[in-house]
PDB file of N, CA and C in Angstrom:
ATOM      1  N   UNK A   1     143.910 189.136  37.640  1.00  0.00           N
ATOM      2  CA  UNK A   1     142.545 188.498  38.413  1.00  0.00           C
ATOM      3  C   UNK A   1     141.921 187.511  38.402  1.00  0.00           C
ATOM      4  N   UNK A   2     142.048 186.738  37.620  1.00  0.00           N
ATOM      5  CA  UNK A   2     141.627 185.330  37.483  1.00  0.00           C
ATOM      6  C   UNK A   2     142.626 184.376  38.534  1.00  0.00           C
ATOM      7  N   UNK A   3     143.753 184.785  38.693  1.00  0.00           N
ATOM      8  CA  UNK A   3     144.512 184.410  39.494  1.00  0.00           C
ATOM      9  C   UNK A   3     143.972 184.135  41.207  1.00  0.00           C
ATOM     10  N   UNK A   4     143.365 185.277  41.288  1.00  0.00           N
ATOM     11  CA  UNK A   4     143.168 185.757  42.645  1.00  0.00           C
ATOM     12  C   UNK A   4     142.031 185.189  43.149  1.00  0.00           C
ATOM     13  N   UNK A   5     141.015 184.964  41.828  1.00  0.00           N
ATOM     14  CA  UNK A   5     139.687 184.329  42.206  1.00  0.00           C
ATOM     15  C   UNK A   5     140.261 182.645  42.413  1.00  0.00           C
ATOM     16  N   UNK A   6     140.631 182.167  41.465  1.00  0.00           N
ATOM     17  CA  UNK A   6     141.303 180.929  41.567  1.00  0.00           C
ATOM     18  C   UNK A   6     141.571 180.663  43.101  1.00  0.00           C
ATOM     19  N   UNK A   7     142.576 181.411  43.720  1.00  0.00           N
ATOM     20  CA  UNK A   7     142.879 181.485  44.868  1.00  0.00           C
ATOM     21  C   UNK A   7     141.876 181.305  46.232  1.00  0.00           C
ATOM     22  N   UNK A   8     141.193 182.511  46.093  1.00  0.00           N
ATOM     23  CA  UNK A   8     139.986 182.446  46.920  1.00  0.00           C
ATOM     24  C   UNK A   8     138.772 181.733  47.030  1.00  0.00           C
ATOM     25  N   UNK A   9     138.976 180.855  45.746  1.00  0.00           N
ATOM     26  CA  UNK A   9     137.979 179.991  45.533  1.00  0.00           C
ATOM     27  C   UNK A   9     138.439 178.674  45.894  1.00  0.00           C
ATOM     28  N   UNK A  10     139.794 178.619  45.967  1.00  0.00           N
ATOM     29  CA  UNK A  10     140.418 177.363  46.701  1.00  0.00           C
ATOM     30  C   UNK A  10     140.370 177.388  48.338  1.00  0.00           C
ATOM     31  N   UNK A  11     140.395 178.479  49.067  1.00  0.00           N
ATOM     32  CA  UNK A  11     140.791 178.719  50.347  1.00  0.00           C
ATOM     33  C   UNK A  11     139.511 178.545  50.768  1.00  0.00           C
ATOM     34  N   UNK A  12     138.073 179.105  49.974  1.00  0.00           N
ATOM     35  CA  UNK A  12     136.795 178.553  50.352  1.00  0.00           C
ATOM     36  C   UNK A  12     136.576 176.845  50.332  1.00  0.00           C
ATOM     37  N   UNK A  13     136.862 176.719  49.402  1.00  0.00           N
ATOM     38  CA  UNK A  13     137.048 175.009  49.423  1.00  0.00           C
ATOM     39  C   UNK A  13     137.673 174.444  50.674  1.00  0.00           C
ATOM     40  N   UNK A  14     138.574 174.635  50.783  1.00  0.00           N
ATOM     41  CA  UNK A  14     139.402 173.920  51.635  1.00  0.00           C
ATOM     42  C   UNK A  14     139.284 174.405  53.267  1.00  0.00           C
ATOM     43  N   UNK A  15     138.504 175.567  53.389  1.00  0.00           N
ATOM     44  CA  UNK A  15     137.663 175.873  54.867  1.00  0.00           C
ATOM     45  C   UNK A  15     136.154 174.872  55.153  1.00  0.00           C
ATOM     46  N   UNK A  16     135.814 174.760  53.824  1.00  0.00           N
ATOM     47  CA  UNK A  16     134.252 174.248  53.480  1.00  0.00           C
ATOM     48  C   UNK A  16     135.072 172.884  53.884  1.00  0.00           C
ATOM     49  N   UNK A  17     136.040 171.870  53.249  1.00  0.00           N
ATOM     50  CA  UNK A  17     136.148 170.725  53.662  1.00  0.00           C
ATOM     51  C   UNK A  17     136.606 170.434  55.186  1.00  0.00           C
ATOM     52  N   UNK A  18     137.505 171.400  55.494  1.00  0.00           N
ATOM     53  CA  UNK A  18     137.611 171.264  57.251  1.00  0.00           C
ATOM     54  C   UNK A  18     136.595 170.991  58.106  1.00  0.00           C
ATOM     55  N   UNK A  19     135.522 172.125  57.400  1.00  0.00           N
ATOM     56  CA  UNK A  19     134.337 172.010  58.433  1.00  0.00           C
ATOM     57  C   UNK A  19     133.503 170.643  58.650  1.00  0.00           C
ATOM     58  N   UNK A  20     133.526 170.182  56.984  1.00  0.00           N
ATOM     59  CA  UNK A  20     132.585 169.166  56.738  1.00  0.00           C
ATOM     60  C   UNK A  20     133.444 167.718  57.809  1.00  0.00           C
ATOM     61  N   UNK A  21     134.740 167.648  57.469  1.00  0.00           N
ATOM     62  CA  UNK A  21     135.515 166.778  58.436  1.00  0.00           C
ATOM     63  C   UNK A  21     135.244 167.041  59.554  1.00  0.00           C
ATOM     64  N   UNK A  22     135.301 167.850  60.184  1.00  0.00           N
ATOM     65  CA  UNK A  22     135.381 168.409  61.519  1.00  0.00           C
ATOM     66  C   UNK A  22     133.781 168.025  62.202  1.00  0.00           C
ATOM     67  N   UNK A  23     132.710 168.095  61.482  1.00  0.00           N
ATOM     68  CA  UNK A  23     131.157 167.783  61.725  1.00  0.00           C
ATOM     69  C   UNK A  23     131.066 166.358  61.638  1.00  0.00           C
ATOM     70  N   UNK A  24     131.773 165.691  60.987  1.00  0.00           N
ATOM     71  CA  UNK A  24     132.142 164.305  60.683  1.00  0.00           C
ATOM     72  C   UNK A  24     132.140 163.577  61.975  1.00  0.00           C
ATOM     73  N   UNK A  25     133.487 164.135  62.326  1.00  0.00           N
ATOM     74  CA  UNK A  25     133.922 163.419  63.497  1.00  0.00           C
ATOM     75  C   UNK A  25     133.230 163.551  64.600  1.00  0.00           C
ATOM     76  N   UNK A  26     132.445 164.566  65.038  1.00  0.00           N
ATOM     77  CA  UNK A  26     131.539 165.388  66.022  1.00  0.00           C
ATOM     78  C   UNK A  26     130.460 164.051  65.943  1.00  0.00           C
ATOM     79  N   UNK A  27     129.790 163.871  64.704  1.00  0.00           N
ATOM     80  CA  UNK A  27     128.724 163.449  64.459  1.00  0.00           C
ATOM     81  C   UNK A  27     129.267 161.474  64.622  1.00  0.00           C
ATOM     82  N   UNK A  28     130.523 161.154  64.572  1.00  0.00           N
ATOM     83  CA  UNK A  28     130.604 159.809  64.901  1.00  0.00           C
ATOM     84  C   UNK A  28     130.600 159.617  66.150  1.00  0.00           C
ATOM     85  N   UNK A  29     131.292 160.577  66.883  1.00  0.00           N
ATOM     86  CA  UNK A  29     131.528 160.566  68.682  1.00  0.00           C
ATOM     87  C   UNK A  29     130.236 160.711  69.026  1.00  0.00           C
ATOM     88  N   UNK A  30     129.054 161.376  69.161  1.00  0.00           N
ATOM     89  CA  UNK A  30     127.946 161.304  69.119  1.00  0.00           C
ATOM     90  C   UNK A  30     126.714 159.854  69.055  1.00  0.00           C
ATOM     91  N   UNK A  31     127.319 159.481  67.586  1.00  0.00           N
ATOM     92  CA  UNK A  31     126.484 157.711  67.863  1.00  0.00           C
ATOM     93  C   UNK A  31     127.285 156.874  68.390  1.00  0.00           C
ATOM     94  N   UNK A  32     128.240 156.886  68.733  1.00  0.00           N
ATOM     95  CA  UNK A  32     129.015 156.127  69.644  1.00  0.00           C
ATOM     96  C   UNK A  32     128.385 156.403  70.931  1.00  0.00           C
ATOM     97  N   UNK A  33     128.374 157.715  71.391  1.00  0.00           N
ATOM     98  CA  UNK A  33     127.857 158.199  72.767  1.00  0.00           C
ATOM     99  C   UNK A  33     126.016 157.433  72.837  1.00  0.00           C
ATOM    100  N   UNK A  34     125.387 157.665  71.801  1.00  0.00           N
ATOM    101  CA  UNK A  34     124.219 157.285  71.493  1.00  0.00           C
ATOM    102  C   UNK A  34     123.949 155.809  71.751  1.00  0.00           C
ATOM    103  N   UNK A  35     124.793 155.196  70.942  1.00  0.00           N
ATOM    104  CA  UNK A  35     124.876 154.110  70.853  1.00  0.00           C
ATOM    105  C   UNK A  35     124.967 153.078  72.485  1.00  0.00           C
ATOM    106  N   UNK A  36     125.809 153.601  72.908  1.00  0.00           N
ATOM    107  CA  UNK A  36     126.642 153.306  74.491  1.00  0.00           C
ATOM    108  C   UNK A  36     125.247 153.568  75.127  1.00  0.00           C
ATOM    109  N   UNK A  37     124.368 154.419  75.501  1.00  0.00           N
ATOM    110  CA  UNK A  37     123.228 155.069  75.967  1.00  0.00           C
ATOM    111  C   UNK A  37     122.447 154.299  75.826  1.00  0.00           C
ATOM    112  N   UNK A  38     122.000 153.734  74.693  1.00  0.00           N
ATOM    113  CA  UNK A  38     120.919 152.754  74.351  1.00  0.00           C
ATOM    114  C   UNK A  38     121.072 151.462  74.891  1.00  0.00           C
ATOM    115  N   UNK A  39     122.671 151.127  74.725  1.00  0.00           N
ATOM    116  CA  UNK A  39     122.633 149.709  75.568  1.00  0.00           C
ATOM    117  C   UNK A  39     122.553 149.545  76.946  1.00  0.00           C
ATOM    118  N   UNK A  40     123.122 150.861  77.657  1.00  0.00           N
ATOM    119  CA  UNK A  40     122.916 150.690  78.825  1.00  0.00           C
ATOM    120  C   UNK A  40     121.539 150.786  79.278  1.00  0.00           C
ATOM    121  N   UNK A  41     120.381 151.712  78.737  1.00  0.00           N
ATOM    122  CA  UNK A  41     119.073 151.306  78.982  1.00  0.00           C
ATOM    123  C   UNK A  41     118.657 150.121  78.927  1.00  0.00           C
ATOM    124  N   UNK A  42     118.698 149.488  77.574  1.00  0.00           N
ATOM    125  CA  UNK A  42     118.335 147.968  77.556  1.00  0.00           C
ATOM    126  C   UNK A  42     119.122 147.126  78.613  1.00  0.00           C
ATOM    127  N   UNK A  43     120.284 147.399  79.256  1.00  0.00           N
ATOM    128  CA  UNK A  43     120.391 146.648  80.123  1.00  0.00           C
ATOM    129  C   UNK A  43     119.539 146.499  81.560  1.00  0.00           C
ATOM    130  N   UNK A  44     119.806 148.325  81.527  1.00  0.00           N
ATOM    131  CA  UNK A  44     118.866 148.633  82.923  1.00  0.00           C
ATOM    132  C   UNK A  44     117.663 148.103  83.014  1.00  0.00           C
ATOM    133  N   UNK A  45     116.704 147.947  81.622  1.00  0.00           N
ATOM    134  CA  UNK A  45     115.538 147.385  81.515  1.00  0.00           C
ATOM    135  C   UNK A  45     115.328 145.885  81.726  1.00  0.00           C
ATOM    136  N   UNK A  46     116.531 145.367  81.320  1.00  0.00           N
ATOM    137  CA  UNK A  46     116.377 143.461  81.745  1.00  0.00           C
ATOM    138  C   UNK A  46     116.556 143.491  83.000  1.00  0.00           C
ATOM    139  N   UNK A  47     117.563 144.337  83.592  1.00  0.00           N
ATOM    140  CA  UNK A  47     117.844 143.961  85.102  1.00  0.00           C
ATOM    141  C   UNK A  47     116.658 144.016  85.992  1.00  0.00           C
ATOM    142  N   UNK A  48     115.960 145.257  85.467  1.00  0.00           N
ATOM    143  CA  UNK A  48     114.817 145.586  86.441  1.00  0.00           C
ATOM    144  C   UNK A  48     113.701 144.512  86.361  1.00  0.00           C
ATOM    145  N   UNK A  49     113.606 143.892  85.193  1.00  0.00           N
ATOM    146  CA  UNK A  49     112.670 142.885  85.001  1.00  0.00           C
ATOM    147  C   UNK A  49     113.279 141.563  85.247  1.00  0.00           C
ATOM    148  N   UNK A  50     114.486 141.352  85.313  1.00  0.00           N
ATOM    149  CA  UNK A  50     114.812 140.217  86.039  1.00  0.00           C
ATOM    150  C   UNK A  50     114.908 140.509  87.775  1.00  0.00           C
ATOM    151  N   UNK A  51     114.780 141.576  88.030  1.00  0.00           N
ATOM    152  CA  UNK A  51     114.800 141.615  89.677  1.00  0.00           C
ATOM    153  C   UNK A  51     113.663 141.056  90.475  1.00  0.00           C
ATOM    154  N   UNK A  52     112.503 141.550  89.462  1.00  0.00           N
ATOM    155  CA  UNK A  52     111.190 141.279  90.140  1.00  0.00           C
ATOM    156  C   UNK A  52     110.476 140.042  89.273  1.00  0.00           C
ATOM    157  N   UNK A  53     111.299 138.833  89.438  1.00  0.00           N
ATOM    158  CA  UNK A  53     110.484 137.754  88.409  1.00  0.00           C
ATOM    159  C   UNK A  53     109.472 137.395  89.173  1.00  0.00           C
ATOM    160  N   UNK A  54     109.266 137.068  90.380  1.00  0.00           N
ATOM    161  CA  UNK A  54     108.162 136.644  91.196  1.00  0.00           C
ATOM    162  C   UNK A  54     107.267 137.557  91.324  1.00  0.00           C
ATOM    163  N   UNK A  55     107.513 138.704  91.239  1.00  0.00           N
ATOM    164  CA  UNK A  55     106.288 139.661  91.418  1.00  0.00           C
ATOM    165  C   UNK A  55     106.432 140.263  93.030  1.00  0.00           C
ATOM    166  N   UNK A  56     107.412 139.953  93.567  1.00  0.00           N
ATOM    167  CA  UNK A  56     107.173 140.107  95.131  1.00  0.00           C
ATOM    168  C   UNK A  56     107.699 141.619  95.453  1.00  0.00           C
ATOM    169  N   UNK A  57     108.183 142.356  94.556  1.00  0.00           N
ATOM    170  CA  UNK A  57     108.036 143.905  94.931  1.00  0.00           C
ATOM    171  C   UNK A  57     107.126 144.460  94.679  1.00  0.00           C
ATOM    172  N   UNK A  58     106.183 144.235  93.413  1.00  0.00           N
ATOM    173  CA  UNK A  58     104.966 144.763  92.903  1.00  0.00           C
ATOM    174  C   UNK A  58     103.769 144.522  94.432  1.00  0.00           C
ATOM    175  N   UNK A  59     103.999 143.628  94.754  1.00  0.00           N
ATOM    176  CA  UNK A  59     103.155 143.182  95.850  1.00  0.00           C
ATOM    177  C   UNK A  59     103.173 143.865  96.991  1.00  0.00           C
ATOM    178  N   UNK A  60     104.268 144.365  97.570  1.00  0.00           N
ATOM    179  CA  UNK A  60     104.319 145.240  98.845  1.00  0.00           C
ATOM    180  C   UNK A  60     103.992 146.617  98.784  1.00  0.00           C
ATOM    181  N   UNK A  61     103.126 146.872  99.643  1.00  0.00           N
ATOM    182  CA  UNK A  61     102.627 148.312  99.559  1.00  0.00           C
ATOM    183  C   UNK A  61     103.606 149.309  99.283  1.00  0.00           C
ATOM    184  N   UNK A  62     104.441 149.414 100.309  1.00  0.00           N
ATOM    185  CA  UNK A  62     105.305 150.673 100.039  1.00  0.00           C
ATOM    186  C   UNK A  62     106.420 150.343  98.721  1.00  0.00           C
ATOM    187  N   UNK A  63     107.188 149.412  99.035  1.00  0.00           N
ATOM    188  CA  UNK A  63     107.920 149.234  97.779  1.00  0.00           C
ATOM    189  C   UNK A  63     107.081 148.997  96.443  1.00  0.00           C
ATOM    190  N   UNK A  64     106.046 148.280  96.619  1.00  0.00           N
ATOM    191  CA  UNK A  64     105.482 148.359  95.202  1.00  0.00           C
ATOM    192  C   UNK A  64     104.856 149.619  94.418  1.00  0.00           C
ATOM    193  N   UNK A  65     104.815 150.520  95.466  1.00  0.00           N
ATOM    194  CA  UNK A  65     104.456 152.074  94.518  1.00  0.00           C
ATOM    195  C   UNK A  65     105.407 152.573  94.146  1.00  0.00           C
ATOM    196  N   UNK A  66     106.958 152.439  94.793  1.00  0.00           N
ATOM    197  CA  UNK A  66     108.322 152.872  94.100  1.00  0.00           C
ATOM    198  C   UNK A  66     108.435 152.022  92.971  1.00  0.00           C
ATOM    199  N   UNK A  67     108.192 150.443  93.044  1.00  0.00           N
ATOM    200  CA  UNK A  67     108.668 149.573  92.021  1.00  0.00           C
ATOM    201  C   UNK A  67     107.465 149.974  90.650  1.00  0.00           C
ATOM    202  N   UNK A  68     106.510 150.113  91.091  1.00  0.00           N
ATOM    203  CA  UNK A  68     105.434 150.890  90.254  1.00  0.00           C
ATOM    204  C   UNK A  68     105.898 152.224  89.098  1.00  0.00           C
ATOM    205  N   UNK A  69     106.254 152.750  90.103  1.00  0.00           N
ATOM    206  CA  UNK A  69     106.735 154.296  89.392  1.00  0.00           C
ATOM    207  C   UNK A  69     107.845 154.106  88.834  1.00  0.00           C
ATOM    208  N   UNK A  70     109.148 153.337  89.350  1.00  0.00           N
ATOM    209  CA  UNK A  70     110.212 152.860  88.239  1.00  0.00           C
ATOM    210  C   UNK A  70     109.668 152.227  87.192  1.00  0.00           C
ATOM    211  N   UNK A  71     108.895 151.187  87.217  1.00  0.00           N
ATOM    212  CA  UNK A  71     108.282 150.515  85.966  1.00  0.00           C
ATOM    213  C   UNK A  71     107.836 151.414  85.122  1.00  0.00           C
ATOM    214  N   UNK A  72     107.113 152.489  85.520  1.00  0.00           N
ATOM    215  CA  UNK A  72     106.621 153.108  84.248  1.00  0.00           C
ATOM    216  C   UNK A  72     107.339 154.194  83.697  1.00  0.00           C
ATOM    217  N   UNK A  73     108.484 154.683  84.467  1.00  0.00           N
ATOM    218  CA  UNK A  73     109.926 155.376  83.801  1.00  0.00           C
ATOM    219  C   UNK A  73     110.427 154.255  82.823  1.00  0.00           C
ATOM    220  N   UNK A  74     111.004 153.085  83.321  1.00  0.00           N
ATOM    221  CA  UNK A  74     111.390 152.350  82.437  1.00  0.00           C
ATOM    222  C   UNK A  74     110.447 151.769  81.338  1.00  0.00           C
ATOM    223  N   UNK A  75     109.268 151.739  81.464  1.00  0.00           N
ATOM    224  CA  UNK A  75     108.425 151.157  79.760  1.00  0.00           C
ATOM    225  C   UNK A  75     108.561 152.360  79.570  1.00  0.00           C
ATOM    226  N   UNK A  76     108.327 153.967  79.655  1.00  0.00           N
ATOM    227  CA  UNK A  76     108.516 154.778  78.749  1.00  0.00           C
ATOM    228  C   UNK A  76     109.668 155.001  77.730  1.00  0.00           C
ATOM    229  N   UNK A  77     110.893 154.747  78.794  1.00  0.00           N
ATOM    230  CA  UNK A  77     112.284 154.499  77.999  1.00  0.00           C
ATOM    231  C   UNK A  77     112.019 153.609  76.932  1.00  0.00           C
ATOM    232  N   UNK A  78     111.244 152.649  77.300  1.00  0.00           N
ATOM    233  CA  UNK A  78     111.853 151.314  76.497  1.00  0.00           C
ATOM    234  C   UNK A  78     111.117 151.675  75.053  1.00  0.00           C
ATOM    235  N   UNK A  79     110.044 152.389  75.368  1.00  0.00           N
ATOM    236  CA  UNK A  79     108.859 152.901  74.501  1.00  0.00           C
ATOM    237  C   UNK A  79     109.869 153.804  73.272  1.00  0.00           C
ATOM    238  N   UNK A  80     110.090 154.765  73.956  1.00  0.00           N
ATOM    239  CA  UNK A  80     111.300 155.893  73.416  1.00  0.00           C
ATOM    240  C   UNK A  80     112.413 154.998  72.583  1.00  0.00           C
ATOM    241  N   UNK A  81     112.855 153.912  73.227  1.00  0.00           N
ATOM    242  CA  UNK A  81     114.031 153.331  72.371  1.00  0.00           C
ATOM    243  C   UNK A  81     113.419 152.379  71.305  1.00  0.00           C
ATOM    244  N   UNK A  82     112.535 151.926  71.422  1.00  0.00           N
ATOM    245  CA  UNK A  82     111.766 150.848  70.180  1.00  0.00           C
ATOM    246  C   UNK A  82     111.376 152.333  69.248  1.00  0.00           C
ATOM    247  N   UNK A  83     110.897 153.348  69.648  1.00  0.00           N
ATOM    248  CA  UNK A  83     110.562 154.106  68.465  1.00  0.00           C
ATOM    249  C   UNK A  83     111.916 154.568  67.655  1.00  0.00           C
ATOM    250  N   UNK A  84     112.759 154.966  68.618  1.00  0.00           N
ATOM    251  CA  UNK A  84     114.053 155.190  67.787  1.00  0.00           C
ATOM    252  C   UNK A  84     114.755 154.081  67.005  1.00  0.00           C
ATOM    253  N   UNK A  85     114.487 152.927  67.435  1.00  0.00           N
ATOM    254  CA  UNK A  85     115.169 152.184  66.643  1.00  0.00           C
ATOM    255  C   UNK A  85     114.349 151.497  65.467  1.00  0.00           C
ATOM    256  N   UNK A  86     113.258 151.620  65.632  1.00  0.00           N
ATOM    257  CA  UNK A  86     112.384 151.279  64.384  1.00  0.00           C
ATOM    258  C   UNK A  86     112.491 152.688  63.336  1.00  0.00           C
ATOM    259  N   UNK A  87     112.697 153.860  64.007  1.00  0.00           N
ATOM    260  CA  UNK A  87     112.886 154.861  63.044  1.00  0.00           C
ATOM    261  C   UNK A  87     114.182 154.866  61.930  1.00  0.00           C
ATOM    262  N   UNK A  88     115.144 153.845  62.431  1.00  0.00           N
ATOM    263  CA  UNK A  88     116.408 153.667  61.684  1.00  0.00           C
ATOM    264  C   UNK A  88     116.394 152.553  60.233  1.00  0.00           C
ATOM    265  N   UNK A  89     115.568 151.910  61.113  1.00  0.00           N
ATOM    266  CA  UNK A  89     115.343 150.621  59.683  1.00  0.00           C
ATOM    267  C   UNK A  89     114.680 150.919  58.583  1.00  0.00           C
TER     268      UNK A  89
END
């Protein structure tokens, strides 16, 4: 009877170890993906700011409206990114 209990517990431990290892691998993949997404968003924010250094897009009526809408979205993303990076440290 004791041998059966030891075998069952050993199998349970092996299954738990496999599940933990699998979850760790998936977490590492997601962390890599999130870091890449954050880097892409930071570069998009930088490119958008570099595009309108002189403010010429903002001053145009039709283009200015679209630019301001995009800028609002970018600023929202930037605040989310800053909140996420402040949370980590």
